Amino acid sequence: MNVAQTISNVVAQGSRRDAAAIDEDAFQALYDRTARPLWAYLARVSGRKDVADDLLQETYCRFLNRKPAGLNEEQSRSYLFRIATNLLRDRWRHGEDLEGDEITDISGPQTDSAAHIDVRSTMQKLKPRERQLLWLAYVEGMNHDEIAAATGLSALSIRLLLFRARRRAAGLLRPSTLVTKMVKQ
């Protein structure tokens, strides 16, 4: 999806704002900086490329429709992740995402393919909330307050939930790591 498609989708959806009022250059710059990490977040948390594509487009459409005035770049990024998180939550509530294109790889080449496979399979075994928190913390580099803003939870809750998600992920990684080491010996 590109900027022109996003803007035309907003206009087609009956945006209350005048399309000419949208600063395309500023939006293009924001889109260029946030689209890839936002899509990766949506893909990894949902586990599906088709869902990530749909939700990415919907995220930017809602952002353009509702963008509050005066947001700086970091606030806009946080707001985009909040919209994406809410869209994911809506899909989970409605029981959607039962079938579709599973994610096989969303990143570049890895140096250790066994570790890459272990992490990918571990992420798939985690609950959506756990995947979400781990992704925001370790891939996006958000702190507890930023994760709280993106998810709508309190920072204290984030701390506890992130601790539990890390512990569960470590538990899921340990058995496969031990098997791998035993096979190599």
Protein backbone atom coordinates (compact mmCIF):
# COMPACT_ATOMS: atom_id res chain seq x y z
CA MET A 1 0.00 0.00 0.00
CA ASN A 2 1.25 3.50 -0.71
CA VAL A 3 0.31 6.97 0.41
CA ALA A 4 -1.97 7.69 -2.55
CA GLN A 5 -3.95 4.49 -1.90
CA THR A 6 -4.28 5.29 1.78
CA ILE A 7 -5.49 8.83 1.15
CA SER A 8 -7.92 7.69 -1.54
CA ASN A 9 -9.26 5.02 0.86
CA VAL A 10 -9.84 7.67 3.51
CA VAL A 11 -11.65 9.89 1.04
CA ALA A 12 -13.68 6.91 -0.24
CA GLN A 13 -14.72 6.08 3.33
CA GLY A 14 -16.25 9.51 3.65
CA SER A 15 -13.57 11.27 5.63
CA ARG A 16 -14.84 14.35 7.44
CA ARG A 17 -11.68 16.18 6.53
CA ASP A 18 -10.94 17.81 3.23
CA ALA A 19 -8.47 15.60 1.31
CA ALA A 20 -6.48 18.68 0.33
CA ALA A 21 -5.88 19.43 4.02
CA ILE A 22 -3.81 16.25 4.39
CA ASP A 23 -0.11 17.08 4.20
CA GLU A 24 1.01 14.29 1.88
CA ASP A 25 4.72 14.92 2.34
CA ALA A 26 4.51 14.70 6.12
CA PHE A 27 2.33 11.61 5.92
CA GLN A 28 4.69 9.99 3.37
CA ALA A 29 7.62 10.57 5.72
CA LEU A 30 5.69 9.10 8.67
CA TYR A 31 4.50 6.17 6.55
CA ASP A 32 8.03 5.44 5.33
CA ARG A 33 9.33 5.34 8.91
CA THR A 34 6.48 3.37 10.47
CA ALA A 35 4.90 1.07 7.87
CA ARG A 36 7.50 -1.72 7.97
CA PRO A 37 7.75 -1.98 11.78
CA LEU A 38 3.99 -1.68 12.13
CA TRP A 39 3.37 -4.40 9.52
CA ALA A 40 5.95 -6.65 11.21
CA TYR A 41 4.22 -6.12 14.56
CA LEU A 42 0.81 -6.94 13.09
CA ALA A 43 2.17 -9.96 11.23
CA ARG A 44 4.00 -11.42 14.18
CA VAL A 45 1.23 -10.86 16.71
CA SER A 46 -1.57 -12.09 14.42
CA GLY A 47 0.57 -14.79 12.84
CA ARG A 48 -0.87 -14.04 9.38
CA LYS A 49 0.34 -11.93 6.45
CA ASP A 50 -3.15 -11.30 5.07
CA VAL A 51 -4.37 -9.99 8.43
CA ALA A 52 -1.28 -7.79 8.75
CA ASP A 53 -1.93 -6.30 5.30
CA ASP A 54 -5.59 -5.58 6.07
CA LEU A 55 -4.94 -4.15 9.51
CA LEU A 56 -2.04 -2.01 8.30
CA GLN A 57 -4.29 -0.34 5.76
CA GLU A 58 -7.09 0.08 8.28
CA THR A 59 -4.64 1.51 10.84
CA TYR A 60 -3.49 4.25 8.50
CA CYS A 61 -7.05 4.99 7.36
CA ARG A 62 -8.18 5.44 10.95
CA PHE A 63 -5.10 7.49 11.74
CA LEU A 64 -5.84 9.88 8.87
CA ASN A 65 -9.49 10.11 9.85
CA ARG A 66 -8.91 10.74 13.56
CA LYS A 67 -5.42 12.19 13.88
CA PRO A 68 -5.49 14.72 16.70
CA ALA A 69 -3.72 17.96 15.97
CA GLY A 70 -0.28 18.67 17.33
CA LEU A 71 1.19 15.16 17.56
CA ASN A 72 4.94 14.91 17.15
CA GLU A 73 6.53 11.98 15.34
CA GLU A 74 6.94 9.78 18.43
CA GLN A 75 3.35 10.45 19.54
CA SER A 76 2.10 9.66 16.04
CA ARG A 77 4.05 6.39 16.05
CA SER A 78 2.62 5.48 19.44
CA TYR A 79 -0.87 6.39 18.24
CA LEU A 80 -0.45 4.15 15.17
CA PHE A 81 0.56 1.22 17.38
CA ARG A 82 -2.41 1.91 19.65
CA ILE A 83 -4.81 1.83 16.68
CA ALA A 84 -3.19 -1.39 15.40
CA THR A 85 -3.42 -2.97 18.84
CA ASN A 86 -7.10 -2.09 19.11
CA LEU A 87 -7.77 -3.54 15.65
CA LEU A 88 -6.02 -6.78 16.66
CA ARG A 89 -8.02 -6.88 19.86
CA ASP A 90 -11.27 -6.44 17.92
CA ARG A 91 -10.38 -9.38 15.67
CA TRP A 92 -9.62 -11.58 18.67
CA ARG A 93 -12.90 -10.65 20.34
CA HIS A 94 -14.85 -11.60 17.26
CA GLY A 95 -13.03 -14.92 16.92
CA GLU A 96 -11.57 -14.05 13.53
CA ASP A 97 -8.26 -15.23 12.10
CA LEU A 98 -8.90 -18.95 12.16
CA GLU A 99 -7.35 -19.63 8.76
CA GLY A 100 -5.13 -17.82 6.32
CA ASP A 101 -1.57 -17.23 5.17
CA GLU A 102 0.72 -18.10 8.05
CA ILE A 103 3.87 -16.12 8.55
CA THR A 104 6.97 -17.96 7.45
CA ASP A 105 9.46 -15.11 7.68
CA ILE A 106 9.15 -11.37 8.15
CA SER A 107 12.76 -10.45 8.59
CA GLY A 108 15.97 -10.62 6.67
CA PRO A 109 18.34 -13.58 6.65
CA GLN A 110 19.42 -14.88 10.02
CA THR A 111 22.89 -16.10 10.87
CA ASP A 112 21.67 -18.95 13.06
CA SER A 113 18.75 -20.67 11.36
CA ALA A 114 18.15 -23.12 14.24
CA ALA A 115 17.75 -20.26 16.70
CA HIS A 116 15.54 -18.43 14.20
CA ILE A 117 13.26 -21.46 13.89
CA ASP A 118 13.12 -21.90 17.66
CA VAL A 119 12.11 -18.29 18.21
CA ARG A 120 9.53 -18.39 15.41
CA SER A 121 7.91 -21.57 16.70
CA THR A 122 8.02 -20.23 20.26
CA MET A 123 6.30 -17.00 19.20
CA GLN A 124 3.57 -19.04 17.53
CA LYS A 125 2.99 -21.01 20.73
CA LEU A 126 2.60 -17.88 22.85
CA LYS A 127 -0.76 -16.22 23.47
CA PRO A 128 -1.47 -13.17 21.30
CA ARG A 129 -1.03 -10.82 24.27
CA GLU A 130 2.35 -12.36 25.11
CA ARG A 131 3.53 -12.05 21.49
CA GLN A 132 2.32 -8.48 21.46
CA LEU A 133 4.17 -7.47 24.62
CA LEU A 134 7.40 -9.20 23.68
CA TRP A 135 7.34 -7.68 20.20
CA LEU A 136 6.75 -4.16 21.46
CA ALA A 137 9.43 -4.47 24.14
CA TYR A 138 12.20 -6.23 22.28
CA VAL A 139 11.68 -5.54 18.61
CA GLU A 140 10.21 -2.04 18.77
CA GLY A 141 12.28 -1.15 21.84
CA MET A 142 9.37 0.42 23.71
CA ASN A 143 9.58 0.99 27.46
CA HIS A 144 6.78 0.06 29.88
CA ASP A 145 5.05 3.43 29.58
CA GLU A 146 5.10 3.32 25.78
CA ILE A 147 3.77 -0.24 25.75
CA ALA A 148 1.06 0.83 28.18
CA ALA A 149 0.07 3.67 25.86
CA ALA A 150 -0.01 1.32 22.85
CA THR A 151 -2.02 -1.40 24.60
CA GLY A 152 -4.28 0.56 26.91
CA LEU A 153 -2.96 -1.20 30.01
CA SER A 154 -1.23 0.32 33.01
CA ALA A 155 2.56 0.43 33.14
CA LEU A 156 2.53 -1.71 36.28
CA SER A 157 0.45 -4.34 34.50
CA ILE A 158 2.87 -4.26 31.59
CA ARG A 159 5.77 -4.98 33.90
CA LEU A 160 4.07 -8.07 35.35
CA LEU A 161 2.65 -9.31 32.03
CA LEU A 162 5.99 -8.85 30.30
CA PHE A 163 7.74 -10.77 33.06
CA ARG A 164 5.28 -13.65 32.63
CA ALA A 165 5.59 -13.58 28.83
CA ARG A 166 9.41 -13.71 29.07
CA ARG A 167 9.24 -16.57 31.53
CA ARG A 168 6.82 -18.52 29.32
CA ALA A 169 8.91 -17.90 26.19
CA ALA A 170 12.06 -19.01 28.02
CA GLY A 171 10.29 -22.18 29.14
CA LEU A 172 9.22 -22.92 25.60
CA LEU A 173 12.72 -22.32 24.24
CA ARG A 174 14.56 -24.43 26.81
CA PRO A 175 13.38 -27.91 25.76
CA SER A 176 14.19 -27.38 22.08
CA THR A 177 17.56 -25.89 22.98
CA LEU A 178 18.42 -28.94 25.09
CA VAL A 179 17.37 -31.32 22.32
CA THR A 180 19.46 -29.38 19.79
CA LYS A 181 22.53 -29.55 22.05
CA MET A 182 22.03 -33.28 22.65
CA VAL A 183 21.73 -34.00 18.93
CA LYS A 184 24.95 -32.08 18.17
CA GLN A 185 26.92 -34.14 20.73
